[in-house]
Amino acid sequence: MPFSMTVNNGKQILNLEGRVTIRNARELGLLISDSLEATLPVEVETEQLTDVDTCVLQLLLSLRRSVSQLTLVNPCQALLGALDRSQLRRQFLDARETL
């Protein structure tokens, strides 16, 4: 599976790697909803992500709105490019994410 969610040092860490696209959206959505603790900040690790589509960006945007803090850690070019193409980079920057 190209994603996982763990808790470490009071933070939830969502790790995305490889290709995460609409084919994975259902499973990713279930993982997030089953694992999410809204009171804990979330870090999204994308350093090993190679491809992402707008369906996954929508899940990340929804996640951002559901937690107290969301940080994109070491965002990869695939993610930054997808955010730019979708004109969502500002949505993430306005919410205290680190890009």
C-alpha atoms as a PDB file:
ATOM      1  CA  MET A   1       0.000   0.000   0.000  1.00  0.00           C
ATOM      2  CA  PRO A   2       1.473   3.397  -0.976  1.00  0.00           C
ATOM      3  CA  PHE A   3       0.392   5.100   2.262  1.00  0.00           C
ATOM      4  CA  SER A   4       0.335   4.623   6.012  1.00  0.00           C
ATOM      5  CA  MET A   5      -0.656   6.561   9.112  1.00  0.00           C
ATOM      6  CA  THR A   6       1.146   6.371  12.440  1.00  0.00           C
ATOM      7  CA  VAL A   7       1.284   8.356  15.667  1.00  0.00           C
ATOM      8  CA  ASN A   8       4.677   9.508  16.926  1.00  0.00           C
ATOM      9  CA  ASN A   9       5.568  12.122  19.559  1.00  0.00           C
ATOM     10  CA  GLY A  10       2.031  13.489  19.765  1.00  0.00           C
ATOM     11  CA  LYS A  11       1.664  13.863  15.988  1.00  0.00           C
ATOM     12  CA  GLN A  12      -0.106  11.818  13.377  1.00  0.00           C
ATOM     13  CA  ILE A  13       2.098  11.096  10.390  1.00  0.00           C
ATOM     14  CA  LEU A  14       0.517  10.323   7.039  1.00  0.00           C
ATOM     15  CA  ASN A  15       3.154   8.900   4.716  1.00  0.00           C
ATOM     16  CA  LEU A  16       2.421   8.934   0.977  1.00  0.00           C
ATOM     17  CA  GLU A  17       4.805   7.227  -1.428  1.00  0.00           C
ATOM     18  CA  GLY A  18       4.888   6.053  -5.015  1.00  0.00           C
ATOM     19  CA  ARG A  19       1.691   6.644  -6.982  1.00  0.00           C
ATOM     20  CA  VAL A  20      -1.333   7.691  -4.943  1.00  0.00           C
ATOM     21  CA  THR A  21      -4.254   8.305  -7.280  1.00  0.00           C
ATOM     22  CA  ILE A  22      -7.975   7.782  -7.618  1.00  0.00           C
ATOM     23  CA  ARG A  23      -7.310   4.033  -7.570  1.00  0.00           C
ATOM     24  CA  ASN A  24      -6.209   4.432  -3.934  1.00  0.00           C
ATOM     25  CA  ALA A  25      -8.688   7.116  -2.861  1.00  0.00           C
ATOM     26  CA  ARG A  26     -11.215   4.828  -1.184  1.00  0.00           C
ATOM     27  CA  GLU A  27      -8.585   3.004   0.862  1.00  0.00           C
ATOM     28  CA  LEU A  28      -6.797   6.248   1.744  1.00  0.00           C
ATOM     29  CA  GLY A  29     -10.073   7.849   2.813  1.00  0.00           C
ATOM     30  CA  LEU A  30     -10.889   4.861   5.011  1.00  0.00           C
ATOM     31  CA  LEU A  31      -7.419   4.902   6.559  1.00  0.00           C
ATOM     32  CA  ILE A  32      -7.725   8.586   7.375  1.00  0.00           C
ATOM     33  CA  SER A  33     -11.237   8.314   8.805  1.00  0.00           C
ATOM     34  CA  ASP A  34     -10.401   5.207  10.863  1.00  0.00           C
ATOM     35  CA  SER A  35      -7.091   6.558  12.197  1.00  0.00           C
ATOM     36  CA  LEU A  36      -7.715  10.269  12.578  1.00  0.00           C
ATOM     37  CA  GLU A  37      -7.540  11.899  15.990  1.00  0.00           C
ATOM     38  CA  ALA A  38      -8.743  15.443  15.256  1.00  0.00           C
ATOM     39  CA  THR A  39      -7.025  16.920  18.304  1.00  0.00           C
ATOM     40  CA  LEU A  40      -3.546  15.831  17.182  1.00  0.00           C
ATOM     41  CA  PRO A  41      -1.598  17.721  14.520  1.00  0.00           C
ATOM     42  CA  VAL A  42      -0.940  15.882  11.268  1.00  0.00           C
ATOM     43  CA  GLU A  43       2.289  15.768   9.291  1.00  0.00           C
ATOM     44  CA  VAL A  44       2.059  14.594   5.686  1.00  0.00           C
ATOM     45  CA  GLU A  45       5.303  13.072   4.423  1.00  0.00           C
ATOM     46  CA  THR A  46       5.527  13.130   0.618  1.00  0.00           C
ATOM     47  CA  GLU A  47       9.247  12.888  -0.028  1.00  0.00           C
ATOM     48  CA  GLN A  48       8.829   9.487  -1.755  1.00  0.00           C
ATOM     49  CA  LEU A  49       5.625  10.408  -3.619  1.00  0.00           C
ATOM     50  CA  THR A  50       5.963  10.133  -7.409  1.00  0.00           C
ATOM     51  CA  ASP A  51       2.406  10.795  -8.633  1.00  0.00           C
ATOM     52  CA  VAL A  52      -0.748  12.269  -7.128  1.00  0.00           C
ATOM     53  CA  ASP A  53      -4.041  13.358  -8.661  1.00  0.00           C
ATOM     54  CA  THR A  54      -6.794  15.797  -7.743  1.00  0.00           C
ATOM     55  CA  CYS A  55      -8.856  13.136  -5.996  1.00  0.00           C
ATOM     56  CA  VAL A  56      -6.083  12.698  -3.428  1.00  0.00           C
ATOM     57  CA  LEU A  57      -5.644  16.477  -3.187  1.00  0.00           C
ATOM     58  CA  GLN A  58      -9.327  16.714  -2.272  1.00  0.00           C
ATOM     59  CA  LEU A  59      -8.768  14.187   0.525  1.00  0.00           C
ATOM     60  CA  LEU A  60      -5.809  16.214   1.799  1.00  0.00           C
ATOM     61  CA  LEU A  61      -7.859  19.404   1.679  1.00  0.00           C
ATOM     62  CA  SER A  62     -10.635  17.724   3.639  1.00  0.00           C
ATOM     63  CA  LEU A  63      -8.077  16.432   6.133  1.00  0.00           C
ATOM     64  CA  ARG A  64      -6.638  19.934   6.510  1.00  0.00           C
ATOM     65  CA  ARG A  65     -10.068  21.229   7.453  1.00  0.00           C
ATOM     66  CA  SER A  66     -10.609  18.415   9.980  1.00  0.00           C
ATOM     67  CA  VAL A  67      -7.489  18.782  12.128  1.00  0.00           C
ATOM     68  CA  SER A  68      -5.985  21.481  14.305  1.00  0.00           C
ATOM     69  CA  GLN A  69      -2.796  21.672  12.226  1.00  0.00           C
ATOM     70  CA  LEU A  70      -1.555  20.046   9.032  1.00  0.00           C
ATOM     71  CA  THR A  71       2.044  20.310   7.857  1.00  0.00           C
ATOM     72  CA  LEU A  72       3.427  19.110   4.544  1.00  0.00           C
ATOM     73  CA  VAL A  73       6.896  17.804   5.379  1.00  0.00           C
ATOM     74  CA  ASN A  74       9.475  17.731   2.576  1.00  0.00           C
ATOM     75  CA  PRO A  75       6.865  18.159  -0.146  1.00  0.00           C
ATOM     76  CA  CYS A  76       7.976  16.504  -3.359  1.00  0.00           C
ATOM     77  CA  GLN A  77       7.806  18.060  -6.800  1.00  0.00           C
ATOM     78  CA  ALA A  78       4.916  15.757  -7.772  1.00  0.00           C
ATOM     79  CA  LEU A  79       2.785  17.183  -4.965  1.00  0.00           C
ATOM     80  CA  LEU A  80       3.828  20.790  -5.523  1.00  0.00           C
ATOM     81  CA  GLY A  81       3.120  20.462  -9.243  1.00  0.00           C
ATOM     82  CA  ALA A  82      -0.318  18.973  -8.601  1.00  0.00           C
ATOM     83  CA  LEU A  83      -1.126  21.726  -6.092  1.00  0.00           C
ATOM     84  CA  ASP A  84      -0.061  24.370  -8.615  1.00  0.00           C
ATOM     85  CA  ARG A  85      -2.026  22.801 -11.496  1.00  0.00           C
ATOM     86  CA  SER A  86      -5.119  22.652  -9.283  1.00  0.00           C
ATOM     87  CA  GLN A  87      -4.500  26.134  -7.904  1.00  0.00           C
ATOM     88  CA  LEU A  88      -4.570  24.701  -4.361  1.00  0.00           C
ATOM     89  CA  ARG A  89      -1.119  25.726  -3.127  1.00  0.00           C
ATOM     90  CA  ARG A  90      -2.578  28.882  -1.604  1.00  0.00           C
ATOM     91  CA  GLN A  91      -5.238  26.823   0.204  1.00  0.00           C
ATOM     92  CA  PHE A  92      -2.484  24.923   1.961  1.00  0.00           C
ATOM     93  CA  LEU A  93      -0.268  27.947   2.577  1.00  0.00           C
ATOM     94  CA  ASP A  94      -3.129  29.893   4.153  1.00  0.00           C
ATOM     95  CA  ALA A  95      -3.609  27.129   6.719  1.00  0.00           C
ATOM     96  CA  ARG A  96      -0.106  27.248   8.261  1.00  0.00           C
ATOM     97  CA  GLU A  97       1.316  24.361   6.243  1.00  0.00           C
ATOM     98  CA  THR A  98       5.034  24.473   5.591  1.00  0.00           C
ATOM     99  CA  LEU A  99       5.975  24.350   1.918  1.00  0.00           C
END
